[in-house]
C-alpha atoms as a PDB file:
ATOM      1  CA  MET A   1     105.082  75.645 -50.814  1.00  0.00           C
ATOM      2  CA  PRO A   2     106.007  74.550 -47.478  1.00  0.00           C
ATOM      3  CA  ASP A   3     109.756  73.501 -46.919  1.00  0.00           C
ATOM      4  CA  GLU A   4     110.095  69.734 -47.242  1.00  0.00           C
ATOM      5  CA  GLY A   5     112.948  69.746 -44.548  1.00  0.00           C
ATOM      6  CA  GLU A   6     116.084  68.065 -44.858  1.00  0.00           C
ATOM      7  CA  GLU A   7     115.653  64.959 -44.025  1.00  0.00           C
ATOM      8  CA  GLN A   8     113.037  64.915 -46.820  1.00  0.00           C
ATOM      9  CA  ARG A   9     116.118  66.055 -49.305  1.00  0.00           C
ATOM     10  CA  ARG A  10     118.616  63.944 -47.975  1.00  0.00           C
ATOM     11  CA  TYR A  11     115.782  60.965 -48.480  1.00  0.00           C
ATOM     12  CA  LYS A  12     115.038  61.973 -52.222  1.00  0.00           C
ATOM     13  CA  THR A  13     118.354  62.534 -53.341  1.00  0.00           C
ATOM     14  CA  ALA A  14     119.726  59.482 -52.027  1.00  0.00           C
ATOM     15  CA  SER A  15     116.601  58.017 -54.092  1.00  0.00           C
ATOM     16  CA  ALA A  16     116.655  59.725 -57.044  1.00  0.00           C
ATOM     17  CA  GLY A  17     119.399  58.217 -58.990  1.00  0.00           C
ATOM     18  CA  PRO A  18     117.829  55.539 -60.659  1.00  0.00           C
ATOM     19  CA  PHE A  19     115.153  57.442 -61.979  1.00  0.00           C
ATOM     20  CA  THR A  20     116.720  60.551 -63.642  1.00  0.00           C
ATOM     21  CA  THR A  21     115.923  59.951 -67.453  1.00  0.00           C
ATOM     22  CA  ARG A  22     119.919  58.701 -68.781  1.00  0.00           C
ATOM     23  CA  ALA A  23     119.313  56.186 -65.347  1.00  0.00           C
ATOM     24  CA  VAL A  24     115.438  54.664 -66.553  1.00  0.00           C
ATOM     25  CA  ARG A  25     115.828  54.957 -70.502  1.00  0.00           C
ATOM     26  CA  ASP A  26     119.697  53.322 -70.578  1.00  0.00           C
ATOM     27  CA  ARG A  27     118.336  50.373 -67.754  1.00  0.00           C
ATOM     28  CA  ALA A  28     114.767  50.458 -69.472  1.00  0.00           C
ATOM     29  CA  GLY A  29     114.925  51.499 -72.895  1.00  0.00           C
ATOM     30  CA  PRO A  30     114.878  48.943 -74.479  1.00  0.00           C
ATOM     31  CA  ALA A  31     111.519  46.919 -71.887  1.00  0.00           C
ATOM     32  CA  ILE A  32     109.707  49.359 -73.160  1.00  0.00           C
ATOM     33  CA  GLU A  33     110.336  49.925 -76.792  1.00  0.00           C
ATOM     34  CA  ALA A  34     109.229  46.597 -76.721  1.00  0.00           C
ATOM     35  CA  ILE A  35     105.868  47.640 -74.807  1.00  0.00           C
ATOM     36  CA  VAL A  36     105.175  50.814 -76.815  1.00  0.00           C
ATOM     37  CA  ALA A  37     106.195  48.125 -80.455  1.00  0.00           C
ATOM     38  CA  ARG A  38     104.217  45.222 -79.010  1.00  0.00           C
ATOM     39  CA  LEU A  39     100.951  47.290 -77.718  1.00  0.00           C
ATOM     40  CA  LEU A  40     100.823  49.506 -80.764  1.00  0.00           C
ATOM     41  CA  ASP A  41     100.858  45.699 -82.848  1.00  0.00           C
ATOM     42  CA  GLY A  42      98.265  44.904 -80.887  1.00  0.00           C
ATOM     43  CA  VAL A  43      97.040  48.043 -82.254  1.00  0.00           C
ATOM     44  CA  ALA A  44      97.213  47.483 -85.516  1.00  0.00           C
ATOM     45  CA  ALA A  45      95.664  43.926 -85.107  1.00  0.00           C
ATOM     46  CA  SER A  46      92.159  45.054 -84.399  1.00  0.00           C
ATOM     47  CA  GLY A  47      92.568  48.607 -86.386  1.00  0.00           C
ATOM     48  CA  ARG A  48      91.362  50.411 -83.557  1.00  0.00           C
ATOM     49  CA  ALA A  49      91.922  51.386 -79.762  1.00  0.00           C
ATOM     50  CA  GLU A  50      90.482  53.243 -77.077  1.00  0.00           C
ATOM     51  CA  LEU A  51      93.016  55.842 -75.698  1.00  0.00           C
ATOM     52  CA  ARG A  52      93.097  54.518 -72.153  1.00  0.00           C
ATOM     53  CA  ALA A  53      92.496  51.136 -72.469  1.00  0.00           C
ATOM     54  CA  ASP A  54      94.387  49.876 -75.558  1.00  0.00           C
ATOM     55  CA  LEU A  55      98.082  52.174 -75.224  1.00  0.00           C
ATOM     56  CA  ALA A  56      97.857  54.804 -71.856  1.00  0.00           C
ATOM     57  CA  ALA A  57      97.206  51.766 -69.035  1.00  0.00           C
ATOM     58  CA  PRO A  58      98.688  48.929 -69.929  1.00  0.00           C
ATOM     59  CA  LEU A  59     102.444  51.447 -71.457  1.00  0.00           C
ATOM     60  CA  ALA A  60     101.733  53.408 -67.647  1.00  0.00           C
ATOM     61  CA  LEU A  61     101.353  50.195 -65.736  1.00  0.00           C
ATOM     62  CA  GLU A  62     103.959  47.990 -67.781  1.00  0.00           C
ATOM     63  CA  THR A  63     106.687  51.469 -67.544  1.00  0.00           C
ATOM     64  CA  VAL A  64     106.213  52.003 -64.643  1.00  0.00           C
ATOM     65  CA  ALA A  65     106.857  47.787 -63.212  1.00  0.00           C
ATOM     66  CA  VAL A  66     109.983  47.423 -65.154  1.00  0.00           C
ATOM     67  CA  VAL A  67     111.327  50.530 -63.625  1.00  0.00           C
ATOM     68  CA  LEU A  68     111.117  49.234 -60.187  1.00  0.00           C
ATOM     69  CA  GLY A  69     111.681  45.601 -60.760  1.00  0.00           C
ATOM     70  CA  ILE A  70     108.399  44.498 -60.125  1.00  0.00           C
ATOM     71  CA  PRO A  71     107.322  40.608 -61.696  1.00  0.00           C
ATOM     72  CA  ASP A  72     104.198  40.719 -64.104  1.00  0.00           C
ATOM     73  CA  ARG A  73     102.369  38.315 -62.916  1.00  0.00           C
ATOM     74  CA  TYR A  74     101.307  41.565 -60.268  1.00  0.00           C
ATOM     75  CA  TYR A  75     100.458  43.019 -63.304  1.00  0.00           C
ATOM     76  CA  PRO A  76      96.567  42.256 -63.593  1.00  0.00           C
ATOM     77  CA  ALA A  77      96.116  43.503 -59.645  1.00  0.00           C
ATOM     78  CA  ILE A  78      97.833  46.629 -59.750  1.00  0.00           C
ATOM     79  CA  ARG A  79      95.530  46.885 -63.748  1.00  0.00           C
ATOM     80  CA  GLY A  80      92.961  46.332 -60.758  1.00  0.00           C
ATOM     81  CA  TRP A  81      94.245  49.305 -58.932  1.00  0.00           C
ATOM     82  CA  TYR A  82      94.253  51.861 -61.696  1.00  0.00           C
ATOM     83  CA  ASP A  83      91.259  51.079 -63.031  1.00  0.00           C
ATOM     84  CA  ALA A  84      89.612  51.628 -59.907  1.00  0.00           C
END
């Protein structure tokens, strides 16, 4: 694997703090737990689930959006990109 170089390491180090496991858990944990609960409630209500469409895709999209602070009005566009 090629060396990323000092400049790349500096950028990575400077931006890593908000994305550590602890930082994400502390900042976004309750919101992510609410997302999971809502998705599972939807599966329970319908009695079935398509794993990717009903759980994996919305969980991935909404988790990343919460961590990055992306407003939910952008979810449909992001979901379109994800599906593509």
